[in-house]
C-alpha cells in the first residue's frame, strides 16, 4: 500500500479504529461518504483538512482489508 502512512491507529482515539493522519476522522467515514455518492471534490470542500491522498489511502486500505480468504465448511 503506497498510502499506508496516512492511515493511523490509536487505542485512545475513535475506539482504535483506523483514522486519517491521526485526526478524528475515520477511514469508514470517508468510505461511507464515497459509497453515498459524494465526490472527492465535495469531501475535500466539506473537510478542508483532508487531502486527495487521504481519500486514496482510504480506498487502498479498504481494498487491502477485503483481500483475504473466506473459509467455508461443507
PDB file of N, CA and C in Angstrom:
ATOM      1  N   UNK A   1       0.854  -1.186   0.000  1.00  0.00           N
ATOM      2  CA  UNK A   1       0.000   0.000   0.000  1.00  0.00           C
ATOM      3  C   UNK A   1       0.889   1.235   0.000  1.00  0.00           C
ATOM      4  N   UNK A   2       0.744   2.046  -1.006  1.00  0.00           N
ATOM      5  CA  UNK A   2       1.621   3.203  -1.096  1.00  0.00           C
ATOM      6  C   UNK A   2       1.195   4.345  -0.181  1.00  0.00           C
ATOM      7  N   UNK A   3      -0.037   4.392   0.241  1.00  0.00           N
ATOM      8  CA  UNK A   3      -0.510   5.474   1.117  1.00  0.00           C
ATOM      9  C   UNK A   3      -0.717   5.005   2.560  1.00  0.00           C
ATOM     10  N   UNK A   4      -0.125   3.886   2.910  1.00  0.00           N
ATOM     11  CA  UNK A   4      -0.356   3.299   4.230  1.00  0.00           C
ATOM     12  C   UNK A   4       0.038   4.231   5.370  1.00  0.00           C
ATOM     13  N   UNK A   5       0.997   5.111   5.150  1.00  0.00           N
ATOM     14  CA  UNK A   5       1.437   6.019   6.211  1.00  0.00           C
ATOM     15  C   UNK A   5       0.364   7.033   6.585  1.00  0.00           C
ATOM     16  N   UNK A   6      -0.651   7.198   5.785  1.00  0.00           N
ATOM     17  CA  UNK A   6      -1.736   8.140   6.082  1.00  0.00           C
ATOM     18  C   UNK A   6      -2.788   7.536   7.013  1.00  0.00           C
ATOM     19  N   UNK A   7      -2.814   6.218   7.136  1.00  0.00           N
ATOM     20  CA  UNK A   7      -3.796   5.543   7.978  1.00  0.00           C
ATOM     21  C   UNK A   7      -3.136   5.264   9.327  1.00  0.00           C
ATOM     22  N   UNK A   8      -3.761   5.762  10.394  1.00  0.00           N
ATOM     23  CA  UNK A   8      -3.186   5.627  11.726  1.00  0.00           C
ATOM     24  C   UNK A   8      -4.162   4.926  12.661  1.00  0.00           C
ATOM     25  N   UNK A   9      -3.599   4.355  13.712  1.00  0.00           N
ATOM     26  CA  UNK A   9      -4.373   3.646  14.727  1.00  0.00           C
ATOM     27  C   UNK A   9      -3.933   4.158  16.096  1.00  0.00           C
ATOM     28  N   UNK A  10      -4.909   4.453  16.942  1.00  0.00           N
ATOM     29  CA  UNK A  10      -4.619   4.907  18.295  1.00  0.00           C
ATOM     30  C   UNK A  10      -5.732   4.357  19.188  1.00  0.00           C
ATOM     31  N   UNK A  11      -5.356   3.532  20.143  1.00  0.00           N
ATOM     32  CA  UNK A  11      -6.350   2.896  21.015  1.00  0.00           C
ATOM     33  C   UNK A  11      -7.178   3.921  21.784  1.00  0.00           C
ATOM     34  N   UNK A  12      -6.662   5.136  21.961  1.00  0.00           N
ATOM     35  CA  UNK A  12      -7.385   6.168  22.721  1.00  0.00           C
ATOM     36  C   UNK A  12      -8.142   7.142  21.820  1.00  0.00           C
ATOM     37  N   UNK A  13      -8.224   6.817  20.561  1.00  0.00           N
ATOM     38  CA  UNK A  13      -8.922   7.707  19.615  1.00  0.00           C
ATOM     39  C   UNK A  13      -9.854   6.876  18.744  1.00  0.00           C
ATOM     40  N   UNK A  14     -11.102   7.254  18.713  1.00  0.00           N
ATOM     41  CA  UNK A  14     -12.115   6.583  17.875  1.00  0.00           C
ATOM     42  C   UNK A  14     -12.152   5.075  18.108  1.00  0.00           C
ATOM     43  N   UNK A  15     -11.950   4.683  19.350  1.00  0.00           N
ATOM     44  CA  UNK A  15     -12.021   3.263  19.696  1.00  0.00           C
ATOM     45  C   UNK A  15     -10.967   2.403  19.029  1.00  0.00           C
ATOM     46  N   UNK A  16      -9.863   3.004  18.616  1.00  0.00           N
ATOM     47  CA  UNK A  16      -8.799   2.252  17.966  1.00  0.00           C
ATOM     48  C   UNK A  16      -9.046   1.979  16.495  1.00  0.00           C
ATOM     49  N   UNK A  17     -10.127   2.524  15.972  1.00  0.00           N
ATOM     50  CA  UNK A  17     -10.441   2.308  14.554  1.00  0.00           C
ATOM     51  C   UNK A  17      -9.463   3.085  13.674  1.00  0.00           C
ATOM     52  N   UNK A  18      -9.268   2.634  12.436  1.00  0.00           N
ATOM     53  CA  UNK A  18      -8.334   3.328  11.547  1.00  0.00           C
ATOM     54  C   UNK A  18      -8.820   4.741  11.236  1.00  0.00           C
ATOM     55  N   UNK A  19      -7.911   5.696  11.383  1.00  0.00           N
ATOM     56  CA  UNK A  19      -8.197   7.112  11.137  1.00  0.00           C
ATOM     57  C   UNK A  19      -7.216   7.653  10.115  1.00  0.00           C
ATOM     58  N   UNK A  20      -7.433   8.884   9.728  1.00  0.00           N
ATOM     59  CA  UNK A  20      -6.579   9.528   8.740  1.00  0.00           C
ATOM     60  C   UNK A  20      -5.609  10.468   9.443  1.00  0.00           C
ATOM     61  N   UNK A  21      -4.332  10.203   9.259  1.00  0.00           N
ATOM     62  CA  UNK A  21      -3.234  11.044   9.755  1.00  0.00           C
ATOM     63  C   UNK A  21      -3.414  11.518  11.193  1.00  0.00           C
ATOM     64  N   UNK A  22      -3.891  10.643  12.053  1.00  0.00           N
ATOM     65  CA  UNK A  22      -4.027  10.970  13.465  1.00  0.00           C
ATOM     66  C   UNK A  22      -5.194  11.881  13.800  1.00  0.00           C
ATOM     67  N   UNK A  23      -5.971  12.252  12.809  1.00  0.00           N
ATOM     68  CA  UNK A  23      -7.142  13.101  13.054  1.00  0.00           C
ATOM     69  C   UNK A  23      -8.318  12.227  13.483  1.00  0.00           C
ATOM     70  N   UNK A  24      -9.344  12.867  13.956  1.00  0.00           N
ATOM     71  CA  UNK A  24     -10.528  12.124  14.402  1.00  0.00           C
ATOM     72  C   UNK A  24     -11.535  11.943  13.267  1.00  0.00           C
ATOM     73  N   UNK A  25     -11.046  11.622  12.106  1.00  0.00           N
ATOM     74  CA  UNK A  25     -11.934  11.224  11.015  1.00  0.00           C
ATOM     75  C   UNK A  25     -11.508   9.813  10.613  1.00  0.00           C
ATOM     76  N   UNK A  26     -12.486   8.912  10.704  1.00  0.00           N
ATOM     77  CA  UNK A  26     -12.204   7.504  10.464  1.00  0.00           C
ATOM     78  C   UNK A  26     -12.200   7.191   8.970  1.00  0.00           C
ATOM     79  N   UNK A  27     -11.470   6.158   8.632  1.00  0.00           N
ATOM     80  CA  UNK A  27     -11.478   5.655   7.258  1.00  0.00           C
ATOM     81  C   UNK A  27     -12.916   5.343   6.861  1.00  0.00           C
ATOM     82  N   UNK A  28     -13.674   4.744   7.765  1.00  0.00           N
ATOM     83  CA  UNK A  28     -15.068   4.390   7.483  1.00  0.00           C
ATOM     84  C   UNK A  28     -15.901   5.613   7.132  1.00  0.00           C
ATOM     85  N   UNK A  29     -15.643   6.739   7.780  1.00  0.00           N
ATOM     86  CA  UNK A  29     -16.400   7.962   7.485  1.00  0.00           C
ATOM     87  C   UNK A  29     -16.224   8.363   6.023  1.00  0.00           C
ATOM     88  N   UNK A  30     -14.987   8.326   5.563  1.00  0.00           N
ATOM     89  CA  UNK A  30     -14.703   8.690   4.169  1.00  0.00           C
ATOM     90  C   UNK A  30     -15.318   7.668   3.224  1.00  0.00           C
ATOM     91  N   UNK A  31     -15.180   6.395   3.547  1.00  0.00           N
ATOM     92  CA  UNK A  31     -15.760   5.355   2.688  1.00  0.00           C
ATOM     93  C   UNK A  31     -17.277   5.463   2.624  1.00  0.00           C
ATOM     94  N   UNK A  32     -17.911   5.773   3.746  1.00  0.00           N
ATOM     95  CA  UNK A  32     -19.368   5.957   3.754  1.00  0.00           C
ATOM     96  C   UNK A  32     -19.778   7.114   2.846  1.00  0.00           C
ATOM     97  N   UNK A  33     -19.027   8.189   2.882  1.00  0.00           N
ATOM     98  CA  UNK A  33     -19.328   9.337   2.009  1.00  0.00           C
ATOM     99  C   UNK A  33     -19.203   8.943   0.542  1.00  0.00           C
ATOM    100  N   UNK A  34     -18.118   8.259   0.202  1.00  0.00           N
ATOM    101  CA  UNK A  34     -17.927   7.823  -1.183  1.00  0.00           C
ATOM    102  C   UNK A  34     -19.037   6.872  -1.610  1.00  0.00           C
ATOM    103  N   UNK A  35     -19.411   5.951  -0.731  1.00  0.00           N
ATOM    104  CA  UNK A  35     -20.477   4.991  -1.048  1.00  0.00           C
ATOM    105  C   UNK A  35     -21.816   5.688  -1.254  1.00  0.00           C
ATOM    106  N   UNK A  36     -22.007   6.817  -0.584  1.00  0.00           N
ATOM    107  CA  UNK A  36     -23.254   7.576  -0.725  1.00  0.00           C
ATOM    108  C   UNK A  36     -23.246   8.448  -1.980  1.00  0.00           C
ATOM    109  N   UNK A  37     -22.153   8.412  -2.730  1.00  0.00           N
ATOM    110  CA  UNK A  37     -22.099   9.168  -3.982  1.00  0.00           C
ATOM    111  C   UNK A  37     -21.498  10.550  -3.859  1.00  0.00           C
ATOM    112  N   UNK A  38     -20.937  10.874  -2.706  1.00  0.00           N
ATOM    113  CA  UNK A  38     -20.296  12.181  -2.528  1.00  0.00           C
ATOM    114  C   UNK A  38     -18.964  12.141  -3.271  1.00  0.00           C
ATOM    115  N   UNK A  39     -18.700  13.161  -4.063  1.00  0.00           N
ATOM    116  CA  UNK A  39     -17.474  13.180  -4.856  1.00  0.00           C
ATOM    117  C   UNK A  39     -16.267  13.535  -3.990  1.00  0.00           C
ATOM    118  N   UNK A  40     -15.100  13.178  -4.483  1.00  0.00           N
ATOM    119  CA  UNK A  40     -13.859  13.519  -3.788  1.00  0.00           C
ATOM    120  C   UNK A  40     -13.762  15.029  -3.586  1.00  0.00           C
ATOM    121  N   UNK A  41     -14.130  15.776  -4.602  1.00  0.00           N
ATOM    122  CA  UNK A  41     -14.086  17.240  -4.520  1.00  0.00           C
ATOM    123  C   UNK A  41     -14.985  17.756  -3.402  1.00  0.00           C
ATOM    124  N   UNK A  42     -16.194  17.204  -3.308  1.00  0.00           N
ATOM    125  CA  UNK A  42     -17.126  17.627  -2.258  1.00  0.00           C
ATOM    126  C   UNK A  42     -16.602  17.278  -0.862  1.00  0.00           C
ATOM    127  N   UNK A  43     -16.000  16.112  -0.740  1.00  0.00           N
ATOM    128  CA  UNK A  43     -15.454  15.708   0.555  1.00  0.00           C
ATOM    129  C   UNK A  43     -14.372  16.688   0.986  1.00  0.00           C
ATOM    130  N   UNK A  44     -13.493  17.035   0.067  1.00  0.00           N
ATOM    131  CA  UNK A  44     -12.400  17.957   0.397  1.00  0.00           C
ATOM    132  C   UNK A  44     -12.939  19.352   0.684  1.00  0.00           C
ATOM    133  N   UNK A  45     -13.989  19.753   0.015  1.00  0.00           N
ATOM    134  CA  UNK A  45     -14.604  21.054   0.312  1.00  0.00           C
ATOM    135  C   UNK A  45     -15.218  21.056   1.716  1.00  0.00           C
ATOM    136  N   UNK A  46     -15.870  19.962   2.092  1.00  0.00           N
ATOM    137  CA  UNK A  46     -16.520  19.871   3.402  1.00  0.00           C
ATOM    138  C   UNK A  46     -15.529  19.621   4.540  1.00  0.00           C
ATOM    139  N   UNK A  47     -14.417  18.983   4.227  1.00  0.00           N
ATOM    140  CA  UNK A  47     -13.374  18.671   5.211  1.00  0.00           C
ATOM    141  C   UNK A  47     -12.043  19.186   4.663  1.00  0.00           C
ATOM    142  N   UNK A  48     -11.808  20.495   4.721  1.00  0.00           N
ATOM    143  CA  UNK A  48     -10.635  21.087   4.062  1.00  0.00           C
ATOM    144  C   UNK A  48      -9.287  20.608   4.597  1.00  0.00           C
ATOM    145  N   UNK A  49      -9.274  19.965   5.755  1.00  0.00           N
ATOM    146  CA  UNK A  49      -8.022  19.437   6.294  1.00  0.00           C
ATOM    147  C   UNK A  49      -7.661  18.098   5.662  1.00  0.00           C
ATOM    148  N   UNK A  50      -8.571  17.514   4.872  1.00  0.00           N
ATOM    149  CA  UNK A  50      -8.278  16.286   4.144  1.00  0.00           C
ATOM    150  C   UNK A  50      -7.622  16.616   2.815  1.00  0.00           C
ATOM    151  N   UNK A  51      -6.842  15.678   2.329  1.00  0.00           N
ATOM    152  CA  UNK A  51      -6.177  15.814   1.036  1.00  0.00           C
ATOM    153  C   UNK A  51      -6.618  14.671   0.132  1.00  0.00           C
ATOM    154  N   UNK A  52      -6.445  14.862  -1.172  1.00  0.00           N
ATOM    155  CA  UNK A  52      -6.822  13.815  -2.120  1.00  0.00           C
ATOM    156  C   UNK A  52      -6.115  12.503  -1.788  1.00  0.00           C
ATOM    157  N   UNK A  53      -4.871  12.579  -1.348  1.00  0.00           N
ATOM    158  CA  UNK A  53      -4.132  11.372  -0.974  1.00  0.00           C
ATOM    159  C   UNK A  53      -4.762  10.638   0.188  1.00  0.00           C
ATOM    160  N   UNK A  54      -5.430  11.363   1.070  1.00  0.00           N
ATOM    161  CA  UNK A  54      -6.120  10.728   2.196  1.00  0.00           C
ATOM    162  C   UNK A  54      -7.268   9.857   1.696  1.00  0.00           C
ATOM    163  N   UNK A  55      -7.985  10.365   0.728  1.00  0.00           N
ATOM    164  CA  UNK A  55      -9.119   9.607   0.176  1.00  0.00           C
ATOM    165  C   UNK A  55      -8.616   8.363  -0.544  1.00  0.00           C
ATOM    166  N   UNK A  56      -7.552   8.511  -1.325  1.00  0.00           N
ATOM    167  CA  UNK A  56      -6.966   7.351  -1.996  1.00  0.00           C
ATOM    168  C   UNK A  56      -6.457   6.334  -0.968  1.00  0.00           C
ATOM    169  N   UNK A  57      -5.892   6.830   0.123  1.00  0.00           N
ATOM    170  CA  UNK A  57      -5.407   5.925   1.175  1.00  0.00           C
ATOM    171  C   UNK A  57      -6.557   5.123   1.772  1.00  0.00           C
ATOM    172  N   UNK A  58      -7.698   5.756   1.962  1.00  0.00           N
ATOM    173  CA  UNK A  58      -8.875   5.043   2.487  1.00  0.00           C
ATOM    174  C   UNK A  58      -9.306   3.934   1.538  1.00  0.00           C
ATOM    175  N   UNK A  59      -9.321   4.236   0.254  1.00  0.00           N
ATOM    176  CA  UNK A  59      -9.708   3.228  -0.732  1.00  0.00           C
ATOM    177  C   UNK A  59      -8.696   2.092  -0.777  1.00  0.00           C
ATOM    178  N   UNK A  60      -7.418   2.422  -0.740  1.00  0.00           N
ATOM    179  CA  UNK A  60      -6.388   1.385  -0.739  1.00  0.00           C
ATOM    180  C   UNK A  60      -6.497   0.515   0.516  1.00  0.00           C
ATOM    181  N   UNK A  61      -6.736   1.152   1.646  1.00  0.00           N
ATOM    182  CA  UNK A  61      -6.871   0.413   2.903  1.00  0.00           C
ATOM    183  C   UNK A  61      -8.056  -0.552   2.813  1.00  0.00           C
ATOM    184  N   UNK A  62      -9.185  -0.074   2.309  1.00  0.00           N
ATOM    185  CA  UNK A  62     -10.379  -0.926   2.193  1.00  0.00           C
ATOM    186  C   UNK A  62     -10.113  -2.088   1.235  1.00  0.00           C
ATOM    187  N   UNK A  63      -9.447  -1.819   0.138  1.00  0.00           N
ATOM    188  CA  UNK A  63      -9.136  -2.888  -0.819  1.00  0.00           C
ATOM    189  C   UNK A  63      -8.216  -3.920  -0.181  1.00  0.00           C
ATOM    190  N   UNK A  64      -7.219  -3.452   0.533  1.00  0.00           N
ATOM    191  CA  UNK A  64      -6.280  -4.360   1.195  1.00  0.00           C
ATOM    192  C   UNK A  64      -6.978  -5.204   2.262  1.00  0.00           C
ATOM    193  N   UNK A  65      -7.825  -4.585   3.055  1.00  0.00           N
ATOM    194  CA  UNK A  65      -8.510  -5.288   4.138  1.00  0.00           C
ATOM    195  C   UNK A  65      -9.534  -6.299   3.629  1.00  0.00           C
ATOM    196  N   UNK A  66     -10.056  -6.081   2.446  1.00  0.00           N
ATOM    197  CA  UNK A  66     -11.075  -7.003   1.926  1.00  0.00           C
ATOM    198  C   UNK A  66     -10.459  -8.184   1.165  1.00  0.00           C
ATOM    199  N   UNK A  67      -9.150  -8.184   1.009  1.00  0.00           N
ATOM    200  CA  UNK A  67      -8.475  -9.231   0.248  1.00  0.00           C
ATOM    201  C   UNK A  67      -7.954 -10.314   1.189  1.00  0.00           C
ATOM    202  N   UNK A  68      -8.859 -11.194   1.585  1.00  0.00           N
ATOM    203  CA  UNK A  68      -8.479 -12.304   2.452  1.00  0.00           C
ATOM    204  C   UNK A  68      -9.327 -13.521   2.090  1.00  0.00           C
ATOM    205  N   UNK A  69      -8.802 -14.692   2.331  1.00  0.00           N
ATOM    206  CA  UNK A  69      -9.591 -15.884   2.004  1.00  0.00           C
ATOM    207  C   UNK A  69     -10.777 -16.042   2.952  1.00  0.00           C
ATOM    208  N   UNK A  70     -11.822 -16.599   2.428  1.00  0.00           N
ATOM    209  CA  UNK A  70     -13.003 -16.899   3.245  1.00  0.00           C
ATOM    210  C   UNK A  70     -13.115 -18.425   3.287  1.00  0.00           C
ATOM    211  N   UNK A  71     -13.022 -18.956   4.472  1.00  0.00           N
ATOM    212  CA  UNK A  71     -13.090 -20.411   4.637  1.00  0.00           C
ATOM    213  C   UNK A  71     -14.535 -20.811   4.925  1.00  0.00           C
ATOM    214  N   UNK A  72     -14.986 -21.829   4.257  1.00  0.00           N
ATOM    215  CA  UNK A  72     -16.338 -22.334   4.487  1.00  0.00           C
ATOM    216  C   UNK A  72     -16.249 -23.821   4.799  1.00  0.00           C
ATOM    217  N   UNK A  73     -17.249 -24.320   5.457  1.00  0.00           N
ATOM    218  CA  UNK A  73     -17.310 -25.758   5.755  1.00  0.00           C
ATOM    219  C   UNK A  73     -18.392 -26.371   4.885  1.00  0.00           C
ATOM    220  N   UNK A  74     -18.216 -27.616   4.643  1.00  0.00           N
ATOM    221  CA  UNK A  74     -19.214 -28.335   3.818  1.00  0.00           C
ATOM    222  C   UNK A  74     -20.120 -29.133   4.685  1.00  0.00           C
TER     223      UNK A  74
END
